[in-house]
Amino acid sequence: MIVTTTPSVEGRKIVEYKGVIFGEVIAGVNFLKDFAAGLSNFFGGRSRSYEGELIEAREAALEEMQNRAARLGANAVVGVDIDYEVLGQGGNMLMVTASGTAVVVE
């Protein structure tokens, strides 16, 4: 599966548009990761626990989007965009949405 943020795939022709697709993930951040991130915030530096959670959520959203494209018979997704949102009362949930257009390229 070709996945790109560009509107086309260089050297390939789009022969069919299957439609706009999405992959969504909502991930909760557990107490220990939240605590470790709080220490990073207090003392300065990067929050590796939150970075890891963000990477996992992004990869899962992209994988879900690709699976949906494959079920439609697409072999590529163009115009991919990834959005992030913080949810929950304490802002302890992360939503990642990947979207794009499922296409068939030759």
N, C-alpha and C. Protein backbone atom coordinates (compact mmCIF):
# COMPACT_ATOMS: atom_id res chain seq x y z
N MET A 1 0.86 -1.18 0.00
CA MET A 1 0.00 0.00 0.00
C MET A 1 0.89 1.23 0.00
N ILE A 2 0.69 2.09 -0.99
CA ILE A 2 1.41 3.36 -1.05
C ILE A 2 0.60 4.38 -0.25
N VAL A 3 1.26 5.07 0.67
CA VAL A 3 0.61 6.08 1.49
C VAL A 3 1.43 7.36 1.36
N THR A 4 0.78 8.45 0.93
CA THR A 4 1.50 9.69 0.70
C THR A 4 0.64 10.90 1.05
N THR A 5 1.32 11.97 1.45
CA THR A 5 0.61 13.22 1.73
C THR A 5 0.36 14.03 0.46
N THR A 6 0.99 13.63 -0.63
CA THR A 6 0.83 14.35 -1.89
C THR A 6 -0.48 13.94 -2.57
N PRO A 7 -0.98 14.76 -3.51
CA PRO A 7 -2.25 14.43 -4.16
C PRO A 7 -2.14 13.37 -5.25
N SER A 8 -0.92 12.92 -5.54
CA SER A 8 -0.72 11.89 -6.56
C SER A 8 0.51 11.08 -6.19
N VAL A 9 0.74 10.02 -6.96
CA VAL A 9 1.93 9.18 -6.78
C VAL A 9 2.79 9.38 -8.02
N GLU A 10 3.97 9.93 -7.82
CA GLU A 10 4.84 10.23 -8.95
C GLU A 10 5.13 8.98 -9.77
N GLY A 11 4.96 9.12 -11.08
CA GLY A 11 5.24 8.02 -11.98
C GLY A 11 4.11 7.00 -12.08
N ARG A 12 3.03 7.21 -11.35
CA ARG A 12 1.88 6.29 -11.39
C ARG A 12 0.63 7.09 -11.75
N LYS A 13 -0.30 6.45 -12.41
CA LYS A 13 -1.54 7.10 -12.81
C LYS A 13 -2.68 6.61 -11.92
N ILE A 14 -3.46 7.55 -11.38
CA ILE A 14 -4.65 7.17 -10.62
C ILE A 14 -5.73 6.79 -11.62
N VAL A 15 -6.22 5.55 -11.52
CA VAL A 15 -7.22 5.07 -12.46
C VAL A 15 -8.61 4.95 -11.84
N GLU A 16 -8.66 5.00 -10.49
CA GLU A 16 -9.96 4.90 -9.83
C GLU A 16 -9.88 5.52 -8.44
N TYR A 17 -10.90 6.29 -8.10
CA TYR A 17 -11.02 6.87 -6.77
C TYR A 17 -12.03 6.05 -5.99
N LYS A 18 -11.63 5.55 -4.83
CA LYS A 18 -12.51 4.71 -4.01
C LYS A 18 -13.24 5.52 -2.94
N GLY A 19 -12.72 6.68 -2.60
CA GLY A 19 -13.40 7.53 -1.62
C GLY A 19 -12.49 7.96 -0.48
N VAL A 20 -13.01 8.88 0.30
CA VAL A 20 -12.29 9.38 1.48
C VAL A 20 -12.39 8.35 2.59
N ILE A 21 -11.26 8.08 3.23
CA ILE A 21 -11.23 7.09 4.30
C ILE A 21 -10.56 7.69 5.53
N PHE A 22 -10.81 7.04 6.66
CA PHE A 22 -10.27 7.49 7.94
C PHE A 22 -9.75 6.32 8.75
N GLY A 23 -8.84 6.63 9.63
CA GLY A 23 -8.40 5.70 10.66
C GLY A 23 -8.34 6.50 11.95
N GLU A 24 -9.05 6.04 12.98
CA GLU A 24 -9.11 6.78 14.24
C GLU A 24 -8.62 5.92 15.39
N VAL A 25 -7.93 6.56 16.31
CA VAL A 25 -7.48 5.89 17.51
C VAL A 25 -7.66 6.86 18.68
N ILE A 26 -8.23 6.37 19.77
CA ILE A 26 -8.30 7.14 21.00
C ILE A 26 -7.52 6.35 22.04
N ALA A 27 -6.46 6.95 22.55
CA ALA A 27 -5.57 6.27 23.49
C ALA A 27 -5.60 6.99 24.83
N GLY A 28 -5.77 6.22 25.88
CA GLY A 28 -5.70 6.77 27.23
C GLY A 28 -4.26 6.73 27.72
N VAL A 29 -3.89 7.72 28.51
CA VAL A 29 -2.55 7.77 29.09
C VAL A 29 -2.69 7.35 30.54
N ASN A 30 -1.97 6.30 30.93
CA ASN A 30 -2.12 5.80 32.29
C ASN A 30 -1.42 6.68 33.32
N PHE A 31 -1.67 6.41 34.59
CA PHE A 31 -1.17 7.23 35.69
C PHE A 31 0.34 7.35 35.69
N LEU A 32 1.05 6.24 35.45
CA LEU A 32 2.51 6.28 35.50
C LEU A 32 3.09 7.16 34.39
N LYS A 33 2.54 7.05 33.20
CA LYS A 33 3.02 7.89 32.10
C LYS A 33 2.69 9.36 32.38
N ASP A 34 1.51 9.59 32.94
CA ASP A 34 1.11 10.96 33.27
C ASP A 34 2.04 11.54 34.34
N PHE A 35 2.38 10.73 35.32
CA PHE A 35 3.28 11.16 36.39
C PHE A 35 4.67 11.48 35.84
N ALA A 36 5.19 10.58 34.98
CA ALA A 36 6.51 10.79 34.39
C ALA A 36 6.52 12.05 33.51
N ALA A 37 5.44 12.27 32.78
CA ALA A 37 5.35 13.47 31.95
C ALA A 37 5.31 14.72 32.82
N GLY A 38 4.64 14.63 33.95
CA GLY A 38 4.59 15.76 34.88
C GLY A 38 5.97 16.11 35.40
N LEU A 39 6.80 15.10 35.66
CA LEU A 39 8.17 15.36 36.12
C LEU A 39 8.98 16.04 35.02
N SER A 40 8.80 15.58 33.78
CA SER A 40 9.50 16.21 32.66
C SER A 40 9.07 17.66 32.51
N ASN A 41 7.79 17.91 32.72
CA ASN A 41 7.27 19.27 32.63
C ASN A 41 7.87 20.15 33.73
N PHE A 42 7.98 19.60 34.92
CA PHE A 42 8.51 20.36 36.07
C PHE A 42 10.00 20.63 35.93
N PHE A 43 10.76 19.60 35.58
CA PHE A 43 12.22 19.72 35.51
C PHE A 43 12.72 20.12 34.12
N GLY A 44 11.87 20.06 33.14
CA GLY A 44 12.26 20.38 31.76
C GLY A 44 12.67 19.13 31.01
N GLY A 45 12.71 19.23 29.72
CA GLY A 45 13.11 18.10 28.89
C GLY A 45 11.94 17.48 28.17
N ARG A 46 12.25 16.44 27.42
CA ARG A 46 11.25 15.75 26.61
C ARG A 46 10.53 14.71 27.44
N SER A 47 9.27 14.50 27.10
CA SER A 47 8.47 13.47 27.76
C SER A 47 8.46 12.23 26.87
N ARG A 48 9.39 11.33 27.13
CA ARG A 48 9.49 10.12 26.31
C ARG A 48 8.24 9.25 26.44
N SER A 49 7.60 9.26 27.61
CA SER A 49 6.39 8.44 27.79
C SER A 49 5.27 8.93 26.87
N TYR A 50 5.07 10.25 26.79
CA TYR A 50 4.04 10.78 25.91
C TYR A 50 4.43 10.64 24.44
N GLU A 51 5.70 10.80 24.14
CA GLU A 51 6.16 10.64 22.76
C GLU A 51 5.89 9.21 22.28
N GLY A 52 6.17 8.24 23.13
CA GLY A 52 5.91 6.84 22.77
C GLY A 52 4.43 6.59 22.53
N GLU A 53 3.60 7.16 23.38
CA GLU A 53 2.15 7.00 23.24
C GLU A 53 1.67 7.64 21.93
N LEU A 54 2.22 8.80 21.60
CA LEU A 54 1.86 9.50 20.37
C LEU A 54 2.27 8.70 19.14
N ILE A 55 3.47 8.15 19.15
CA ILE A 55 3.96 7.35 18.02
C ILE A 55 3.08 6.12 17.82
N GLU A 56 2.76 5.42 18.91
CA GLU A 56 1.91 4.22 18.81
C GLU A 56 0.53 4.56 18.26
N ALA A 57 -0.07 5.65 18.75
CA ALA A 57 -1.40 6.04 18.30
C ALA A 57 -1.39 6.43 16.82
N ARG A 58 -0.36 7.17 16.40
CA ARG A 58 -0.26 7.58 14.99
C ARG A 58 -0.11 6.37 14.08
N GLU A 59 0.76 5.44 14.45
CA GLU A 59 0.97 4.23 13.64
C GLU A 59 -0.30 3.39 13.57
N ALA A 60 -1.03 3.30 14.67
CA ALA A 60 -2.28 2.52 14.67
C ALA A 60 -3.34 3.18 13.79
N ALA A 61 -3.43 4.52 13.82
CA ALA A 61 -4.40 5.23 12.97
C ALA A 61 -4.07 5.05 11.50
N LEU A 62 -2.78 5.13 11.15
CA LEU A 62 -2.37 4.91 9.76
C LEU A 62 -2.65 3.48 9.32
N GLU A 63 -2.40 2.53 10.19
CA GLU A 63 -2.66 1.12 9.85
C GLU A 63 -4.15 0.88 9.64
N GLU A 64 -4.98 1.45 10.50
CA GLU A 64 -6.42 1.30 10.35
C GLU A 64 -6.90 1.92 9.03
N MET A 65 -6.36 3.09 8.69
CA MET A 65 -6.72 3.75 7.43
C MET A 65 -6.34 2.87 6.24
N GLN A 66 -5.14 2.29 6.27
CA GLN A 66 -4.68 1.42 5.18
C GLN A 66 -5.55 0.17 5.07
N ASN A 67 -5.95 -0.40 6.19
CA ASN A 67 -6.81 -1.58 6.17
C ASN A 67 -8.16 -1.26 5.53
N ARG A 68 -8.70 -0.10 5.84
CA ARG A 68 -9.98 0.30 5.25
C ARG A 68 -9.83 0.53 3.74
N ALA A 69 -8.71 1.10 3.33
CA ALA A 69 -8.45 1.30 1.90
C ALA A 69 -8.35 -0.04 1.18
N ALA A 70 -7.66 -0.97 1.78
CA ALA A 70 -7.51 -2.30 1.17
C ALA A 70 -8.86 -3.00 1.03
N ARG A 71 -9.73 -2.85 2.02
CA ARG A 71 -11.06 -3.47 1.94
C ARG A 71 -11.89 -2.88 0.80
N LEU A 72 -11.58 -1.64 0.41
CA LEU A 72 -12.27 -1.02 -0.73
C LEU A 72 -11.65 -1.41 -2.07
N GLY A 73 -10.53 -2.11 -2.03
CA GLY A 73 -9.85 -2.51 -3.26
C GLY A 73 -8.79 -1.51 -3.72
N ALA A 74 -8.42 -0.57 -2.87
CA ALA A 74 -7.41 0.43 -3.22
C ALA A 74 -6.01 -0.14 -3.01
N ASN A 75 -5.05 0.41 -3.74
CA ASN A 75 -3.66 0.02 -3.52
C ASN A 75 -2.79 1.22 -3.14
N ALA A 76 -3.47 2.36 -2.89
CA ALA A 76 -2.75 3.56 -2.45
C ALA A 76 -3.73 4.49 -1.73
N VAL A 77 -3.15 5.35 -0.90
CA VAL A 77 -3.92 6.41 -0.24
C VAL A 77 -3.15 7.71 -0.47
N VAL A 78 -3.82 8.69 -1.08
CA VAL A 78 -3.17 9.97 -1.37
C VAL A 78 -3.79 11.07 -0.52
N GLY A 79 -3.07 12.19 -0.41
CA GLY A 79 -3.58 13.33 0.33
C GLY A 79 -3.75 13.06 1.82
N VAL A 80 -2.87 12.25 2.39
CA VAL A 80 -3.01 11.86 3.79
C VAL A 80 -2.75 13.04 4.71
N ASP A 81 -3.61 13.16 5.72
CA ASP A 81 -3.50 14.18 6.75
C ASP A 81 -3.68 13.50 8.10
N ILE A 82 -2.91 13.94 9.08
CA ILE A 82 -3.01 13.38 10.43
C ILE A 82 -3.34 14.51 11.39
N ASP A 83 -4.39 14.30 12.18
CA ASP A 83 -4.82 15.29 13.17
C ASP A 83 -4.73 14.69 14.57
N TYR A 84 -4.41 15.57 15.52
CA TYR A 84 -4.28 15.17 16.92
C TYR A 84 -5.23 16.01 17.76
N GLU A 85 -5.84 15.39 18.77
CA GLU A 85 -6.75 16.10 19.66
C GLU A 85 -6.61 15.50 21.05
N VAL A 86 -6.67 16.36 22.06
CA VAL A 86 -6.64 15.91 23.45
C VAL A 86 -8.07 15.87 23.95
N LEU A 87 -8.46 14.76 24.57
CA LEU A 87 -9.83 14.56 25.05
C LEU A 87 -9.83 14.24 26.54
N GLY A 88 -11.00 14.24 27.12
CA GLY A 88 -11.16 13.86 28.52
C GLY A 88 -11.12 15.05 29.44
N GLN A 89 -11.68 14.87 30.64
CA GLN A 89 -11.75 15.96 31.61
C GLN A 89 -10.37 16.47 31.99
N GLY A 90 -9.44 15.56 32.20
CA GLY A 90 -8.09 15.96 32.58
C GLY A 90 -7.15 16.04 31.41
N GLY A 91 -7.68 15.94 30.19
CA GLY A 91 -6.82 15.95 29.01
C GLY A 91 -5.91 14.74 28.95
N ASN A 92 -6.40 13.61 29.48
CA ASN A 92 -5.55 12.42 29.57
C ASN A 92 -5.85 11.38 28.49
N MET A 93 -6.54 11.80 27.45
CA MET A 93 -6.78 10.91 26.32
C MET A 93 -6.35 11.62 25.05
N LEU A 94 -5.79 10.85 24.15
CA LEU A 94 -5.28 11.39 22.90
C LEU A 94 -6.03 10.75 21.74
N MET A 95 -6.58 11.58 20.85
CA MET A 95 -7.23 11.07 19.66
C MET A 95 -6.36 11.43 18.45
N VAL A 96 -6.08 10.42 17.64
CA VAL A 96 -5.33 10.62 16.41
C VAL A 96 -6.20 10.15 15.26
N THR A 97 -6.36 11.01 14.26
CA THR A 97 -7.16 10.67 13.09
C THR A 97 -6.29 10.82 11.85
N ALA A 98 -6.24 9.76 11.05
CA ALA A 98 -5.55 9.79 9.77
C ALA A 98 -6.62 9.73 8.69
N SER A 99 -6.52 10.62 7.70
CA SER A 99 -7.51 10.63 6.62
C SER A 99 -6.80 10.78 5.29
N GLY A 100 -7.46 10.31 4.25
CA GLY A 100 -6.91 10.42 2.91
C GLY A 100 -7.90 9.90 1.89
N THR A 101 -7.48 9.85 0.65
CA THR A 101 -8.34 9.35 -0.42
C THR A 101 -7.78 8.01 -0.90
N ALA A 102 -8.61 6.99 -0.81
CA ALA A 102 -8.23 5.66 -1.28
C ALA A 102 -8.35 5.64 -2.80
N VAL A 103 -7.29 5.18 -3.46
CA VAL A 103 -7.26 5.16 -4.93
C VAL A 103 -6.63 3.86 -5.43
N VAL A 104 -6.84 3.63 -6.71
CA VAL A 104 -6.15 2.55 -7.42
C VAL A 104 -5.18 3.21 -8.37
N VAL A 105 -3.92 2.85 -8.28
CA VAL A 105 -2.91 3.39 -9.19
C VAL A 105 -2.34 2.25 -10.03
N GLU A 106 -1.88 2.60 -11.22
CA GLU A 106 -1.22 1.58 -12.07
C GLU A 106 0.15 2.06 -12.46
